[in-house]
Protein backbone atom coordinates (compact mmCIF):
# COMPACT_ATOMS: atom_id res chain seq x y z
CA MET A 1 42.45 21.75 -30.14
CA LYS A 2 43.27 17.83 -29.65
CA LYS A 3 40.81 17.49 -26.91
CA GLU A 4 37.80 19.30 -29.05
CA THR A 5 38.68 17.02 -31.91
CA ARG A 6 38.81 13.94 -29.51
CA MET A 7 35.32 14.70 -28.35
CA LYS A 8 33.77 15.44 -31.60
CA LEU A 9 35.35 11.93 -32.74
CA HIS A 10 33.94 10.29 -29.56
CA TRP A 11 30.48 11.46 -30.49
CA LYS A 12 30.94 10.39 -33.92
CA ASN A 13 31.91 7.07 -33.00
CA TRP A 14 28.94 6.75 -30.50
CA LEU A 15 26.72 7.44 -33.14
CA ASN A 16 27.76 5.01 -35.76
CA TYR A 17 25.96 1.97 -36.72
CA GLN A 18 27.62 -0.53 -34.77
CA SER A 19 27.20 1.60 -31.69
CA VAL A 20 23.44 2.06 -32.04
CA VAL A 21 23.17 -1.67 -32.89
CA LYS A 22 25.09 -2.47 -29.46
CA GLN A 23 22.87 -0.10 -27.61
CA ILE A 24 19.33 -1.80 -28.79
CA PRO A 25 18.87 -3.96 -25.84
CA PHE A 26 19.33 -0.90 -23.61
CA PHE A 27 16.67 1.09 -25.63
CA LEU A 28 14.41 -2.08 -25.44
CA PHE A 29 14.65 -1.94 -21.87
CA LEU A 30 14.02 1.62 -21.39
CA ALA A 31 10.97 1.00 -23.66
CA ALA A 32 9.81 -1.85 -21.45
CA LEU A 33 10.22 0.39 -18.20
CA ALA A 34 8.37 2.76 -19.88
CA VAL A 35 5.34 0.73 -20.65
CA VAL A 36 5.48 -0.85 -17.02
CA TYR A 37 5.46 2.72 -15.95
CA ILE A 38 2.39 3.76 -17.92
CA TYR A 39 0.64 0.40 -16.96
CA ASN A 40 1.47 1.22 -13.35
CA GLY A 41 -0.42 4.70 -13.51
CA HIS A 42 -3.48 3.04 -15.20
CA TYR A 43 -3.57 0.54 -12.63
CA ALA A 44 -3.37 2.91 -9.86
CA ASP A 45 -6.19 5.15 -11.22
CA LYS A 46 -8.48 2.01 -11.71
CA THR A 47 -7.92 1.05 -8.01
CA ILE A 48 -8.68 4.63 -6.88
CA ARG A 49 -11.82 4.83 -8.93
CA GLU A 50 -12.62 1.32 -7.72
CA THR A 51 -12.03 2.09 -4.11
CA SER A 52 -14.25 5.31 -4.53
CA ARG A 53 -16.96 3.54 -5.84
CA THR A 54 -16.93 0.95 -3.22
CA SER A 55 -16.79 3.73 -0.40
CA LYS A 56 -19.79 5.20 -1.96
CA GLU A 57 -21.84 2.02 -2.22
CA LEU A 58 -20.77 1.29 1.47
CA GLN A 59 -22.17 4.68 2.58
CA GLU A 60 -25.55 4.35 0.87
CA LEU A 61 -25.78 0.65 2.61
CA GLN A 62 -24.86 2.22 5.95
CA TYR A 63 -27.82 4.83 5.24
CA GLU A 64 -30.22 1.92 4.11
CA TYR A 65 -29.41 0.11 7.25
CA LYS A 66 -30.11 2.94 9.48
CA THR A 67 -33.30 3.51 7.77
CA VAL A 68 -34.67 -0.02 7.76
CA LYS A 69 -33.52 -0.26 11.55
CA GLY A 70 -35.57 2.86 12.45
CA GLU A 71 -38.68 1.31 10.47
CA VAL A 72 -38.44 -1.67 12.49
CA MET A 73 -38.02 -0.05 15.75
CA PHE A 74 -41.29 2.29 14.59
CA ARG A 75 -43.06 -0.75 13.83
CA SER A 76 -42.36 -2.95 16.56
CA LYS A 77 -43.81 -0.38 19.13
CA GLN A 78 -46.89 -1.63 20.68
CA SER A 79 -49.24 0.98 19.57
CA GLU A 80 -48.31 0.04 15.87
CA LEU A 81 -48.35 -3.62 16.65
CA VAL A 82 -51.98 -3.18 17.53
CA GLU A 83 -52.77 -1.24 14.40
CA ALA A 84 -50.95 -3.66 12.35
CA VAL A 85 -52.90 -6.69 13.56
CA GLU A 86 -56.16 -4.95 13.84
CA PRO A 87 -57.63 -5.97 10.34
CA LEU A 88 -56.54 -9.79 11.13
CA GLY A 89 -59.30 -9.73 13.85
CA LEU A 90 -56.92 -9.76 16.88
CA LYS A 91 -57.25 -7.64 19.54
CA GLU A 92 -54.90 -6.03 22.76
CA LEU A 93 -55.44 -8.11 25.91
CA THR A 94 -57.36 -6.00 28.38
CA THR A 95 -57.41 -8.55 31.14
CA SER A 96 -54.51 -10.06 32.82
CA PRO A 97 -53.67 -13.55 31.43
CA VAL A 98 -54.62 -16.61 33.52
CA ILE A 99 -51.97 -18.81 34.80
CA LEU A 100 -52.27 -22.67 34.32
CA ILE A 101 -51.22 -25.18 36.98
CA ASP A 102 -50.72 -28.79 36.37
CA SER A 103 -52.36 -30.87 39.26
CA SER A 104 -51.26 -34.11 38.17
CA GLY A 105 -47.88 -33.44 39.53
CA ASN A 106 -45.83 -34.24 36.51
CA ALA A 107 -44.85 -30.70 35.93
CA ASP A 108 -41.22 -31.47 36.42
CA LYS A 109 -41.22 -33.92 33.54
């Protein structure tokens, strides 16, 4: 019976005012840890959302790059160039170009 009485007294001693006041720094430490834990969770969620958003943006930019690259390849074909410059009055050469030779001998300079 003495052990049980001691245990009851031990709990009573632990819950008295002075013991609770002594434990306040520990409880504050636990509260600070809880705040840090909650902040860390929110920060991780924010980082994951930002990474996901950046990944989607990167994928959209890759699609846009491929589309623009395809358009440039299509427009740089000779037949497309002929159609594009026709309104400007330019026509495709049908004869071979003339080679000009400098007869003065200063071609090296």
